[in-house]
Amino acid sequence: MTSRSHHAPPPFRIAVIGAGVVGLSTALWLQKSGHAVTLFDPAMPDDLARAAEACSFGNACTIALGAVLPVASPGIHWQVPSMLADRKGPLSIYWRDLPQLTPWLLSFLKASGPAEYDRITAILGGLMRQAQDGHLPLFEEAGATDLIRKNGCLYLYRDEASFRAAKPAIDLRAREGVAQSFLDAGQIREREPGLAPLYHRGLLFDDAYHLDDPATYLQRLLAAVRVRGAECVARKVTALLPTEAGIVLRAGEDDLSFDRAVVAAGAWSRDLALQVGDTIRLNSERGYHVLFENDGPLLSAPTCYPEYGFYMTPLTEGLRSAGTVELGGLGKPPRPARTDAIEERTRRILPAVGQVTRKWLGFRPSTPDSLPVIGPSAQDPRVLYGFGHGHVGLTLAGLTGKLIAQCVDGQEPSVDLGPLRPDRWG
């Protein structure tokens, strides 16, 4: 059963490059519109040992509907010296990575101006207000509603000064319709008795929720697209070549032609877009997590100290502490200082936390303005993009797929894609 109407274009043969949560969500939305999908990824999520580097595997598991604030905030340029000096800070840069990061960082600093910050917040707010419309049909079709845990998300502030400093951000979220409640120390203690009393006030995001196992969600999405007839090719796409006859993909030794192609390869998307002629300001944030063994319930919901920059999320497999930002690109080994800092601070916040069972590094595809790249290529509209989601890939995956399907079907997208266009950096 599809959602096509008599006004829709004929079914297309569409290649979707990337089998992370964005690529799989896009594939399923395209199939719901009646298109024939071939999915490409060298590490399909039914092989978790190979797919473990993908950020869809190791994220903080949270559908963060309140994540409307860009990373580049006013005044962040004053923090650059500390980013270069502090190996354990929530946002870190290494001196040796500066040359290749410079164009991205200049755009990042430009995005941090007050007017840009306000503009980007409004765009993210509009996306978040429609995020559920993209997710819920996929949760149902993939049989994944049992993975949803609805208990909000808690931010903690150590003292009155840190809470007052957060007030402008709280007000901006309120402007964008984010549901927020305030908790005093007693209410926090009643809600989360396992926390050390290192807090003064709390902010509860009432509509946030998390998935108990993102890897299982990926596997169920993959099963759903297979049920609808997708061909899944476990190869890396090394070339993307628009021709008059179609979009040609080189996968292994084969050249395969399609009517349309969607690039949803996360941090690996930039080079494919460049082959089409689109120069996109994309870099990789190296994100880490530490998994602690499950010794009993420690938290009821994802919990974050914003000053530390990571979330502690209770899962069936254990407690996952995930986050921080390390700018540095692909192909470099993990830096133990990052996971050491996460472990040290988690133990300070949750004294009863168990032994470490996994330390993980993945790669977030991040743009300097914290906005994803969604929509047609500026060079060839037969190629479409869905990547660059930074910290909100899980949150916006369903909506991204829906928007791409609308573009393919010639419909007016339910979100203005102008601010998300791939050529917005010139």
Protein backbone atom coordinates (compact mmCIF):
# COMPACT_ATOMS: atom_id res chain seq x y z
CA MET A 1 0.00 0.00 0.00
CA THR A 2 1.52 3.34 -1.01
CA SER A 3 0.62 6.99 -0.61
CA ARG A 4 0.93 7.86 -4.31
CA SER A 5 -1.83 9.84 -6.02
CA HIS A 6 -2.77 10.21 -9.69
CA HIS A 7 -0.77 13.48 -9.67
CA ALA A 8 2.46 11.76 -8.61
CA PRO A 9 5.33 11.14 -11.05
CA PRO A 10 5.93 7.58 -12.22
CA PRO A 11 7.88 5.41 -9.78
CA PHE A 12 11.61 6.09 -9.93
CA ARG A 13 14.55 3.76 -9.43
CA ILE A 14 16.35 5.45 -6.56
CA ALA A 15 19.72 4.76 -4.99
CA VAL A 16 20.03 5.68 -1.31
CA ILE A 17 23.67 5.92 -0.24
CA GLY A 18 23.97 5.28 3.49
CA ALA A 19 22.19 2.86 5.83
CA GLY A 20 22.32 4.89 9.01
CA VAL A 21 19.12 6.14 10.58
CA VAL A 22 18.76 8.99 8.04
CA GLY A 23 19.36 6.78 5.01
CA LEU A 24 17.03 4.03 6.23
CA SER A 25 14.31 6.52 7.15
CA THR A 26 14.63 8.10 3.70
CA ALA A 27 14.50 4.73 1.97
CA LEU A 28 11.30 3.80 3.80
CA TRP A 29 9.60 7.13 3.04
CA LEU A 30 10.52 6.77 -0.64
CA GLN A 31 9.09 3.27 -0.68
CA LYS A 32 5.89 4.54 0.94
CA SER A 33 5.63 6.84 -2.11
CA GLY A 34 5.92 3.84 -4.42
CA HIS A 35 9.53 4.18 -5.58
CA ALA A 36 11.97 1.29 -6.05
CA VAL A 37 14.93 1.68 -3.70
CA THR A 38 18.42 0.24 -3.77
CA LEU A 39 20.33 0.84 -0.55
CA PHE A 40 24.13 1.09 -0.50
CA ASP A 41 26.38 0.86 2.55
CA PRO A 42 29.59 -1.12 3.12
CA ALA A 43 28.37 -1.87 6.66
CA MET A 44 24.65 -2.69 6.77
CA PRO A 45 23.29 -2.46 10.33
CA ASP A 46 22.48 -6.18 10.46
CA ASP A 47 26.27 -6.56 10.78
CA LEU A 48 26.77 -4.47 13.92
CA ALA A 49 30.44 -5.32 14.18
CA ARG A 50 31.02 -3.47 10.89
CA ALA A 51 28.42 -0.76 11.45
CA ALA A 52 29.65 0.19 14.92
CA GLU A 53 31.54 3.29 13.78
CA ALA A 54 28.36 4.95 12.50
CA CYS A 55 26.97 7.66 14.76
CA SER A 56 23.56 5.95 14.42
CA PHE A 57 25.03 3.13 16.52
CA GLY A 58 26.57 5.11 19.36
CA ASN A 59 24.48 8.25 19.85
CA ALA A 60 22.85 9.43 23.07
CA CYS A 61 19.61 7.63 22.03
CA THR A 62 17.47 10.75 22.58
CA ILE A 63 14.72 12.20 20.41
CA ALA A 64 15.61 15.74 21.45
CA LEU A 65 12.65 17.86 20.35
CA GLY A 66 14.02 20.74 22.42
CA ALA A 67 17.37 20.86 20.58
CA VAL A 68 16.66 24.14 18.81
CA LEU A 69 19.87 25.98 19.77
CA PRO A 70 22.86 25.85 17.41
CA VAL A 71 26.30 24.92 18.74
CA ALA A 72 27.78 28.24 17.56
CA SER A 73 26.45 30.67 20.15
CA PRO A 74 27.21 34.37 20.65
CA GLY A 75 30.56 34.82 22.38
CA ILE A 76 31.85 31.34 21.57
CA HIS A 77 34.93 32.85 19.87
CA TRP A 78 36.22 33.76 23.35
CA GLN A 79 36.22 30.03 24.18
CA VAL A 80 38.53 28.99 21.32
CA PRO A 81 41.75 29.27 23.42
CA SER A 82 40.27 26.93 26.04
CA MET A 83 39.13 24.51 23.30
CA LEU A 84 42.73 24.29 22.15
CA ALA A 85 44.09 23.86 25.69
CA ASP A 86 41.56 21.63 27.46
CA ARG A 87 41.65 17.99 26.29
CA LYS A 88 38.70 17.11 28.55
CA GLY A 89 36.39 20.04 27.81
CA PRO A 90 32.95 19.65 26.21
CA LEU A 91 34.26 21.15 22.94
CA SER A 92 37.86 20.50 21.96
CA ILE A 93 40.15 21.26 19.02
CA TYR A 94 43.69 19.98 18.50
CA TRP A 95 46.34 22.37 17.17
CA ARG A 96 47.47 19.94 14.48
CA ASP A 97 43.91 19.83 13.05
CA LEU A 98 43.58 23.60 12.66
CA PRO A 99 44.76 23.95 9.03
CA GLN A 100 42.12 21.66 7.56
CA LEU A 101 39.47 22.96 9.98
CA THR A 102 40.00 26.66 9.26
CA PRO A 103 37.31 27.17 6.55
CA TRP A 104 34.76 25.33 8.68
CA LEU A 105 35.73 27.28 11.82
CA LEU A 106 35.43 30.64 10.04
CA SER A 107 31.88 29.77 8.98
CA PHE A 108 31.21 28.50 12.51
CA LEU A 109 32.26 31.82 14.03
CA LYS A 110 30.16 33.69 11.47
CA ALA A 111 27.13 31.63 12.49
CA SER A 112 27.64 32.62 16.13
CA GLY A 113 26.64 36.26 15.63
CA PRO A 114 23.48 37.25 17.55
CA ALA A 115 21.30 37.75 14.45
CA GLU A 116 22.46 34.47 12.86
CA TYR A 117 22.01 32.61 16.13
CA ASP A 118 18.44 33.85 16.40
CA ARG A 119 17.70 33.01 12.74
CA ILE A 120 19.11 29.49 13.01
CA THR A 121 17.22 28.85 16.25
CA ALA A 122 13.95 29.70 14.49
CA ILE A 123 14.77 27.30 11.64
CA LEU A 124 15.65 24.48 14.02
CA GLY A 125 12.46 25.21 15.96
CA GLY A 126 10.41 24.78 12.79
CA LEU A 127 12.09 21.45 12.07
CA MET A 128 11.55 20.16 15.59
CA ARG A 129 7.86 21.02 15.50
CA GLN A 130 7.46 18.63 12.56
CA ALA A 131 9.90 15.94 13.67
CA GLN A 132 7.22 13.63 15.04
CA ASP A 133 5.33 13.65 11.74
CA GLY A 134 8.42 12.12 10.18
CA HIS A 135 9.09 9.56 12.91
CA LEU A 136 5.80 8.09 14.02
CA PRO A 137 4.80 6.36 10.75
CA LEU A 138 8.25 4.74 10.65
CA PHE A 139 8.11 3.55 14.25
CA GLU A 140 4.80 1.89 13.46
CA GLU A 141 5.90 0.26 10.21
CA ALA A 142 9.22 -0.93 11.63
CA GLY A 143 7.51 -2.38 14.70
CA ALA A 144 9.68 -0.26 16.96
CA THR A 145 7.20 1.40 19.31
CA ASP A 146 8.33 -0.97 22.09
CA LEU A 147 11.73 0.75 22.05
CA ILE A 148 10.29 4.16 22.99
CA ARG A 149 10.84 5.36 26.57
CA LYS A 150 8.85 8.48 27.44
CA ASN A 151 10.14 10.09 30.61
CA GLY A 152 11.52 13.39 29.37
CA CYS A 153 15.11 14.60 29.48
CA LEU A 154 16.67 16.40 32.45
CA TYR A 155 19.24 19.23 32.42
CA LEU A 156 20.98 20.01 35.71
CA TYR A 157 22.52 23.26 36.94
CA ARG A 158 25.06 23.25 39.72
CA ASP A 159 24.21 26.62 41.28
CA GLU A 160 22.04 29.69 40.85
CA ALA A 161 24.66 31.43 38.70
CA SER A 162 24.74 28.61 36.13
CA PHE A 163 20.95 28.51 36.05
CA ARG A 164 20.76 32.29 35.52
CA ALA A 165 23.32 32.00 32.71
CA ALA A 166 21.02 29.49 31.00
CA LYS A 167 18.01 31.81 31.14
CA PRO A 168 18.43 33.30 27.62
CA ALA A 169 18.57 29.79 26.14
CA ILE A 170 15.52 28.75 28.16
CA ASP A 171 13.62 31.79 26.87
CA LEU A 172 14.57 31.04 23.26
CA ARG A 173 13.34 27.47 23.59
CA ALA A 174 10.10 28.74 25.07
CA ARG A 175 9.72 31.05 22.06
CA GLU A 176 10.00 28.00 19.80
CA GLY A 177 7.33 26.12 21.71
CA VAL A 178 9.60 23.68 23.56
CA ALA A 179 7.83 22.15 26.58
CA GLN A 180 9.98 22.85 29.66
CA SER A 181 9.38 22.39 33.38
CA PHE A 182 11.52 23.58 36.29
CA LEU A 183 12.55 21.37 39.20
CA ASP A 184 14.04 22.38 42.52
CA ALA A 185 16.67 20.32 44.35
CA GLY A 186 14.06 18.34 46.28
CA GLN A 187 12.13 17.42 43.16
CA ILE A 188 15.33 16.32 41.43
CA ARG A 189 16.28 14.15 44.42
CA GLU A 190 12.83 12.53 44.42
CA ARG A 191 12.96 11.89 40.68
CA GLU A 192 16.61 10.74 40.47
CA PRO A 193 17.80 9.48 43.88
CA GLY A 194 20.94 7.94 42.33
CA LEU A 195 22.43 11.34 41.49
CA ALA A 196 25.06 12.87 43.74
CA PRO A 197 23.64 16.12 45.21
CA LEU A 198 25.67 18.30 42.84
CA TYR A 199 22.73 20.34 41.59
CA HIS A 200 20.71 23.42 42.44
CA ARG A 201 17.98 23.51 39.80
CA GLY A 202 16.77 21.29 36.99
CA LEU A 203 15.10 21.80 33.63
CA LEU A 204 12.91 18.97 32.35
CA PHE A 205 12.18 18.69 28.63
CA ASP A 206 8.73 17.14 28.91
CA ASP A 207 8.31 16.01 25.29
CA ALA A 208 11.76 14.46 24.85
CA TYR A 209 12.05 10.69 24.84
CA HIS A 210 14.65 8.08 24.06
CA LEU A 211 15.00 4.75 22.27
CA ASP A 212 16.15 1.87 24.42
CA ASP A 213 18.39 0.47 21.66
CA PRO A 214 19.15 2.58 18.56
CA ALA A 215 20.98 -0.34 16.91
CA THR A 216 17.85 -2.48 17.17
CA TYR A 217 15.85 0.38 15.64
CA LEU A 218 18.28 0.43 12.69
CA GLN A 219 17.87 -3.31 12.23
CA ARG A 220 14.09 -3.05 12.26
CA LEU A 221 14.13 -0.20 9.74
CA LEU A 222 16.37 -2.32 7.53
CA ALA A 223 13.96 -5.25 7.82
CA ALA A 224 11.06 -2.95 6.90
CA VAL A 225 12.72 -1.66 3.73
CA ARG A 226 13.57 -5.23 2.76
CA VAL A 227 9.96 -6.30 3.24
CA ARG A 228 9.00 -3.55 0.78
CA GLY A 229 11.44 -4.96 -1.74
CA ALA A 230 14.60 -2.88 -1.36
CA GLU A 231 17.80 -4.31 -2.74
CA CYS A 232 20.58 -3.88 -0.18
CA VAL A 233 24.11 -3.68 -1.55
CA ALA A 234 26.88 -3.98 1.05
CA ARG A 235 29.46 -1.99 -0.92
CA LYS A 236 30.96 1.46 -0.70
CA VAL A 237 29.92 3.93 -3.38
CA THR A 238 33.13 5.49 -4.67
CA ALA A 239 31.77 7.56 -7.54
CA LEU A 240 28.57 9.49 -8.25
CA LEU A 241 28.33 10.55 -11.88
CA PRO A 242 25.33 12.44 -13.32
CA THR A 243 24.80 11.59 -16.99
CA GLU A 244 22.06 12.38 -19.49
CA ALA A 245 20.73 8.85 -19.15
CA GLY A 246 20.69 8.80 -15.34
CA ILE A 247 22.76 8.98 -12.18
CA VAL A 248 25.58 6.43 -12.33
CA LEU A 249 27.00 5.00 -9.10
CA ARG A 250 30.23 3.06 -8.94
CA ALA A 251 30.04 0.40 -6.24
CA GLY A 252 32.93 -2.00 -6.20
CA GLU A 253 33.63 -2.89 -9.83
CA ASP A 254 30.09 -2.16 -11.03
CA ASP A 255 28.61 0.98 -12.55
CA LEU A 256 24.87 1.12 -11.86
CA SER A 257 22.39 3.65 -13.26
CA PHE A 258 19.40 5.13 -11.42
CA ASP A 259 16.76 7.79 -12.02
CA ARG A 260 17.56 9.52 -8.73
CA ALA A 261 20.20 9.24 -6.01
CA VAL A 262 20.08 10.29 -2.37
CA VAL A 263 23.32 10.96 -0.52
CA ALA A 264 22.76 10.15 3.15
CA ALA A 265 26.23 8.89 3.99
CA GLY A 266 26.74 11.02 7.08
CA ALA A 267 30.30 12.23 7.61
CA TRP A 268 31.32 10.53 4.36
CA SER A 269 28.87 12.58 2.23
CA ARG A 270 31.03 15.59 1.41
CA ASP A 271 33.26 13.88 -1.15
CA LEU A 272 30.29 12.39 -3.02
CA ALA A 273 28.61 15.80 -3.18
CA LEU A 274 31.83 17.29 -4.52
CA GLN A 275 31.73 14.83 -7.44
CA VAL A 276 28.34 16.29 -8.39
CA GLY A 277 29.78 19.81 -8.18
CA ASP A 278 28.50 20.86 -4.75
CA THR A 279 31.10 22.20 -2.32
CA ILE A 280 29.57 21.72 1.10
CA ARG A 281 31.00 23.01 4.38
CA LEU A 282 30.87 19.70 6.23
CA ASN A 283 33.21 18.34 8.84
CA SER A 284 33.20 15.48 11.29
CA GLU A 285 32.67 15.86 15.00
CA ARG A 286 34.29 12.96 16.76
CA GLY A 287 31.73 11.85 19.33
CA TYR A 288 32.41 9.40 22.14
CA HIS A 289 30.45 7.23 24.50
CA VAL A 290 31.23 5.09 27.52
CA LEU A 291 28.91 2.20 28.40
CA PHE A 292 28.68 1.12 32.03
CA GLU A 293 27.31 -2.26 33.05
CA ASN A 294 23.73 -2.38 34.25
CA ASP A 295 23.77 -2.86 38.03
CA GLY A 296 20.18 -1.75 38.47
CA PRO A 297 18.24 1.44 37.76
CA LEU A 298 20.46 4.50 38.16
CA LEU A 299 18.41 7.07 36.21
CA SER A 300 14.86 7.22 34.91
CA ALA A 301 15.63 9.26 31.77
CA PRO A 302 18.48 10.92 29.85
CA THR A 303 20.23 13.40 32.11
CA CYS A 304 22.74 16.10 31.20
CA TYR A 305 24.95 18.63 32.94
CA PRO A 306 25.28 21.17 30.09
CA GLU A 307 28.69 22.31 31.39
CA TYR A 308 30.02 18.78 30.79
CA GLY A 309 28.45 18.37 27.34
CA PHE A 310 27.30 14.75 27.53
CA TYR A 311 24.14 12.79 28.28
CA MET A 312 23.76 9.83 30.61
CA THR A 313 21.05 7.60 29.17
CA PRO A 314 19.62 4.49 30.90
CA LEU A 315 19.33 1.53 28.52
CA THR A 316 18.65 -2.16 28.92
CA GLU A 317 22.29 -2.87 27.98
CA GLY A 318 23.60 -0.45 30.62
CA LEU A 319 24.10 3.25 31.22
CA ARG A 320 25.42 5.09 28.16
CA SER A 321 27.29 8.36 28.72
CA ALA A 322 27.54 9.95 25.30
CA GLY A 323 28.48 13.30 23.84
CA THR A 324 31.12 16.02 23.86
CA VAL A 325 32.47 17.63 20.67
CA GLU A 326 35.94 17.03 19.28
CA LEU A 327 36.59 18.64 15.92
CA GLY A 328 39.13 16.61 14.01
CA GLY A 329 37.78 14.73 11.02
CA LEU A 330 37.88 11.10 9.96
CA GLY A 331 40.56 8.47 10.00
CA LYS A 332 42.29 9.28 13.29
CA PRO A 333 42.45 6.99 16.33
CA PRO A 334 40.40 7.60 19.49
CA ARG A 335 41.85 9.99 22.01
CA PRO A 336 41.61 8.35 25.44
CA ALA A 337 41.47 11.71 27.25
CA ARG A 338 37.92 12.12 25.93
CA THR A 339 36.51 8.85 27.25
CA ASP A 340 38.54 9.21 30.46
CA ALA A 341 36.83 12.54 31.09
CA ILE A 342 33.37 11.09 30.42
CA GLU A 343 34.02 8.17 32.77
CA GLU A 344 35.47 10.36 35.52
CA ARG A 345 32.56 12.81 35.46
CA THR A 346 29.92 10.10 35.22
CA ARG A 347 31.31 8.47 38.35
CA ARG A 348 31.28 11.84 40.11
CA ILE A 349 27.62 12.40 39.18
CA LEU A 350 26.43 8.79 39.64
CA PRO A 351 28.54 7.26 42.45
CA ALA A 352 26.94 3.81 42.11
CA VAL A 353 27.67 3.40 38.40
CA GLY A 354 29.18 0.03 37.44
CA GLN A 355 32.19 -1.10 35.46
CA VAL A 356 32.93 0.10 31.93
CA THR A 357 31.96 -2.44 29.26
CA ARG A 358 32.60 -0.37 26.10
CA LYS A 359 34.33 2.79 24.94
CA TRP A 360 33.25 4.03 21.52
CA LEU A 361 34.17 6.63 18.92
CA GLY A 362 31.91 7.69 16.05
CA PHE A 363 31.71 10.52 13.55
CA ARG A 364 28.93 13.12 13.48
CA PRO A 365 28.45 14.91 10.16
CA SER A 366 28.34 18.56 11.21
CA THR A 367 27.84 21.85 9.45
CA PRO A 368 29.10 25.14 10.92
CA ASP A 369 25.56 26.51 11.30
CA SER A 370 24.12 23.35 12.95
CA LEU A 371 21.58 23.01 10.12
CA PRO A 372 21.42 19.84 8.03
CA VAL A 373 21.74 19.75 4.26
CA ILE A 374 18.38 18.57 2.92
CA GLY A 375 17.05 18.76 -0.62
CA PRO A 376 18.20 18.72 -4.25
CA SER A 377 21.74 19.32 -5.39
CA ALA A 378 22.37 22.83 -6.67
CA GLN A 379 23.99 21.25 -9.75
CA ASP A 380 21.59 18.41 -10.62
CA PRO A 381 18.15 18.06 -8.98
CA ARG A 382 18.19 14.32 -9.66
CA VAL A 383 20.68 14.07 -6.79
CA LEU A 384 19.27 14.82 -3.34
CA TYR A 385 20.99 15.28 -0.01
CA GLY A 386 20.15 14.30 3.55
CA PHE A 387 23.13 14.71 5.88
CA GLY A 388 24.92 17.12 8.20
CA HIS A 389 22.56 16.73 11.17
CA GLY A 390 25.23 17.02 13.86
CA HIS A 391 23.70 16.19 17.24
CA VAL A 392 20.13 15.73 15.98
CA GLY A 393 20.41 12.99 13.36
CA LEU A 394 18.22 10.56 15.29
CA THR A 395 15.74 13.34 16.08
CA LEU A 396 15.36 14.58 12.49
CA ALA A 397 15.90 11.36 10.53
CA GLY A 398 12.22 10.68 9.90
CA LEU A 399 11.45 14.24 8.87
CA THR A 400 14.47 14.27 6.55
CA GLY A 401 13.18 11.18 4.77
CA LYS A 402 9.71 12.66 4.45
CA LEU A 403 11.07 15.93 3.00
CA ILE A 404 13.23 14.10 0.46
CA ALA A 405 10.26 11.97 -0.63
CA GLN A 406 8.20 15.16 -1.09
CA CYS A 407 10.94 16.61 -3.30
CA VAL A 408 11.15 13.46 -5.40
CA ASP A 409 7.37 13.42 -5.80
CA GLY A 410 7.29 17.05 -6.92
CA GLN A 411 5.31 18.14 -3.86
CA GLU A 412 5.79 21.36 -1.94
CA PRO A 413 7.99 20.38 1.04
CA SER A 414 6.30 20.80 4.40
CA VAL A 415 9.38 22.78 5.52
CA ASP A 416 11.08 25.65 3.67
CA LEU A 417 14.27 24.01 2.40
CA GLY A 418 15.90 27.30 1.38
CA PRO A 419 17.96 27.62 4.61
CA LEU A 420 19.05 23.98 4.24
CA ARG A 421 20.24 24.18 0.63
CA PRO A 422 23.68 22.73 -0.17
CA ASP A 423 25.09 25.93 -1.72
CA ARG A 424 24.37 28.23 1.23
CA TRP A 425 28.11 28.78 1.91
CA GLY A 426 28.77 30.12 -1.57
